[in-house]
C-alpha atoms as a PDB file:
ATOM      1  CA  MET A   1     -28.722  15.199 -11.367  1.00  0.00           C
ATOM      2  CA  PHE A   2     -25.306  13.831 -12.132  1.00  0.00           C
ATOM      3  CA  ARG A   3     -22.269  14.685 -10.232  1.00  0.00           C
ATOM      4  CA  LEU A   4     -18.856  13.491  -9.845  1.00  0.00           C
ATOM      5  CA  GLN A   5     -16.724  13.057  -6.434  1.00  0.00           C
ATOM      6  CA  THR A   6     -12.834  13.604  -6.941  1.00  0.00           C
ATOM      7  CA  PRO A   7     -10.638  11.716  -4.227  1.00  0.00           C
ATOM      8  CA  ASP A   8      -9.632  15.497  -3.031  1.00  0.00           C
ATOM      9  CA  GLY A   9     -13.434  16.247  -2.101  1.00  0.00           C
ATOM     10  CA  SER A  10     -13.709  18.593  -5.295  1.00  0.00           C
ATOM     11  CA  VAL A  11     -17.531  17.782  -6.962  1.00  0.00           C
ATOM     12  CA  ILE A  12     -17.858  18.212 -10.426  1.00  0.00           C
ATOM     13  CA  MET A  13     -20.873  18.850 -12.354  1.00  0.00           C
ATOM     14  CA  PRO A  14     -22.114  19.061 -15.960  1.00  0.00           C
ATOM     15  CA  ILE A  15     -23.731  21.933 -17.281  1.00  0.00           C
ATOM     16  CA  SER A  16     -25.891  21.695 -20.198  1.00  0.00           C
ATOM     17  CA  LYS A  17     -28.182  23.162 -22.718  1.00  0.00           C
ATOM     18  CA  VAL A  18     -31.831  21.540 -22.893  1.00  0.00           C
ATOM     19  CA  GLY A  19     -34.109  22.393 -25.884  1.00  0.00           C
ATOM     20  CA  PHE A  20     -37.693  21.256 -26.317  1.00  0.00           C
ATOM     21  CA  GLY A  21     -39.967  20.957 -29.526  1.00  0.00           C
ATOM     22  CA  PHE A  22     -43.338  19.586 -30.187  1.00  0.00           C
ATOM     23  CA  VAL A  23     -45.411  20.178 -33.303  1.00  0.00           C
ATOM     24  CA  ALA A  24     -49.270  18.803 -33.686  1.00  0.00           C
ATOM     25  CA  LEU A  25     -50.750  18.637 -37.068  1.00  0.00           C
ATOM     26  CA  PRO A  26     -54.453  19.438 -37.225  1.00  0.00           C
ATOM     27  CA  PHE A  27     -55.006  17.752 -40.862  1.00  0.00           C
ATOM     28  CA  GLY A  28     -54.093  14.326 -40.311  1.00  0.00           C
ATOM     29  CA  GLY A  29     -53.584  13.994 -36.207  1.00  0.00           C
ATOM     30  CA  GLY A  30     -49.960  13.881 -36.544  1.00  0.00           C
ATOM     31  CA  SER A  31     -47.897  15.141 -33.667  1.00  0.00           C
ATOM     32  CA  GLY A  32     -44.005  14.721 -32.747  1.00  0.00           C
ATOM     33  CA  GLY A  33     -41.791  16.101 -30.249  1.00  0.00           C
ATOM     34  CA  GLY A  34     -38.143  16.383 -29.366  1.00  0.00           C
ATOM     35  CA  VAL A  35     -35.336  17.096 -26.754  1.00  0.00           C
ATOM     36  CA  SER A  36     -31.968  18.192 -27.377  1.00  0.00           C
ATOM     37  CA  ILE A  37     -28.937  17.872 -24.473  1.00  0.00           C
ATOM     38  CA  THR A  38     -26.076  19.616 -25.274  1.00  0.00           C
ATOM     39  CA  PRO A  39     -22.992  19.874 -22.909  1.00  0.00           C
ATOM     40  CA  ILE A  40     -21.621  23.065 -22.756  1.00  0.00           C
ATOM     41  CA  ALA A  41     -19.415  23.188 -19.505  1.00  0.00           C
ATOM     42  CA  PHE A  42     -18.463  21.845 -16.119  1.00  0.00           C
ATOM     43  CA  LEU A  43     -18.618  23.086 -12.672  1.00  0.00           C
ATOM     44  CA  VAL A  44     -16.418  22.294 -10.308  1.00  0.00           C
ATOM     45  CA  VAL A  45     -16.193  22.840  -6.793  1.00  0.00           C
ATOM     46  CA  GLY A  46     -13.943  22.707  -4.090  1.00  0.00           C
ATOM     47  CA  THR A  47     -11.581  23.573  -1.511  1.00  0.00           C
ATOM     48  CA  HIS A  48      -9.979  26.471  -4.282  1.00  0.00           C
ATOM     49  CA  GLY A  49     -13.477  27.696  -4.738  1.00  0.00           C
ATOM     50  CA  VAL A  50     -15.859  27.456  -7.914  1.00  0.00           C
ATOM     51  CA  ARG A  51     -14.701  27.149 -11.428  1.00  0.00           C
ATOM     52  CA  VAL A  52     -16.666  27.125 -14.346  1.00  0.00           C
ATOM     53  CA  VAL A  53     -14.722  24.796 -17.284  1.00  0.00           C
ATOM     54  CA  PRO A  54     -15.984  25.243 -20.585  1.00  0.00           C
ATOM     55  CA  LEU A  55     -15.878  22.870 -23.201  1.00  0.00           C
ATOM     56  CA  ASP A  56     -15.994  25.317 -26.609  1.00  0.00           C
ATOM     57  CA  ASN A  57     -14.405  28.714 -27.299  1.00  0.00           C
ATOM     58  CA  GLN A  58     -17.457  30.659 -27.292  1.00  0.00           C
ATOM     59  CA  THR A  59     -18.397  29.503 -24.064  1.00  0.00           C
ATOM     60  CA  HIS A  60     -14.654  30.670 -22.615  1.00  0.00           C
ATOM     61  CA  LEU A  61     -14.895  34.145 -24.129  1.00  0.00           C
ATOM     62  CA  MET A  62     -18.565  34.867 -22.299  1.00  0.00           C
ATOM     63  CA  GLU A  63     -17.517  33.283 -19.410  1.00  0.00           C
ATOM     64  CA  CYS A  64     -13.725  35.686 -19.375  1.00  0.00           C
ATOM     65  CA  VAL A  65     -16.249  38.998 -20.347  1.00  0.00           C
ATOM     66  CA  ILE A  66     -18.528  38.053 -17.492  1.00  0.00           C
ATOM     67  CA  ASP A  67     -15.208  37.564 -15.059  1.00  0.00           C
ATOM     68  CA  SER A  68     -13.569  40.378 -16.007  1.00  0.00           C
ATOM     69  CA  ALA A  69     -16.859  43.122 -16.303  1.00  0.00           C
ATOM     70  CA  PRO A  70     -16.635  43.823 -12.742  1.00  0.00           C
ATOM     71  CA  GLN A  71     -12.855  45.241 -12.715  1.00  0.00           C
ATOM     72  CA  VAL A  72     -13.728  46.969 -15.759  1.00  0.00           C
ATOM     73  CA  PHE A  73     -16.466  48.699 -14.338  1.00  0.00           C
ATOM     74  CA  LYS A  74     -14.144  49.638 -11.291  1.00  0.00           C
ATOM     75  CA  SER A  75     -11.747  50.884 -13.490  1.00  0.00           C
ATOM     76  CA  CYS A  76     -14.141  53.233 -15.698  1.00  0.00           C
ATOM     77  CA  SER A  77     -15.644  54.461 -12.409  1.00  0.00           C
ATOM     78  CA  ARG A  78     -12.035  55.305 -11.027  1.00  0.00           C
ATOM     79  CA  MET A  79     -11.403  57.138 -14.391  1.00  0.00           C
ATOM     80  CA  VAL A  80     -14.636  59.247 -14.283  1.00  0.00           C
ATOM     81  CA  ASP A  81     -14.719  59.893 -10.675  1.00  0.00           C
ATOM     82  CA  GLY A  82     -11.443  60.036  -9.318  1.00  0.00           C
ATOM     83  CA  PRO A  83     -10.527  63.555 -10.438  1.00  0.00           C
ATOM     84  CA  ALA A  84     -13.284  65.422  -9.910  1.00  0.00           C
ATOM     85  CA  THR A  85     -14.148  63.463  -6.665  1.00  0.00           C
ATOM     86  CA  SER A  86     -10.208  65.129  -5.895  1.00  0.00           C
ATOM     87  CA  ARG A  87     -10.850  68.377  -7.139  1.00  0.00           C
ATOM     88  CA  ALA A  88     -14.275  68.747  -5.148  1.00  0.00           C
ATOM     89  CA  TYR A  89     -12.200  67.496  -2.123  1.00  0.00           C
ATOM     90  CA  SER A  90      -9.259  69.709  -2.488  1.00  0.00           C
ATOM     91  CA  SER A  91     -11.509  72.785  -3.346  1.00  0.00           C
ATOM     92  CA  LYS A  92     -13.749  72.147   0.083  1.00  0.00           C
ATOM     93  CA  HIS A  93     -10.505  71.619   1.778  1.00  0.00           C
ATOM     94  CA  ARG A  94      -8.843  75.024   0.699  1.00  0.00           C
ATOM     95  CA  LYS A  95     -12.009  76.687   1.505  1.00  0.00           C
ATOM     96  CA  ALA A  96     -12.300  75.487   5.261  1.00  0.00           C
ATOM     97  CA  THR A  97      -8.313  76.634   5.821  1.00  0.00           C
END
């Protein structure tokens, strides 16, 4: 695996999409194959943490969606559970007193 180390100690590794294709022709005995390697991003590991640096906008968009998913779920959870939980708590609290 290829990796590059910078002077500040960070390590940069490429992330690539790899595709393979093979074909065999039963009549005539021909066959062939191909390999496609497409770089899509770089993984940067350093003292600041781990970052993915995309090479195209589509990858960047998916990274943003994936990174923001936990916050979106947390916000939705609060909106759905928040009022019901506080109502249930306050009704139990009133009954106890």
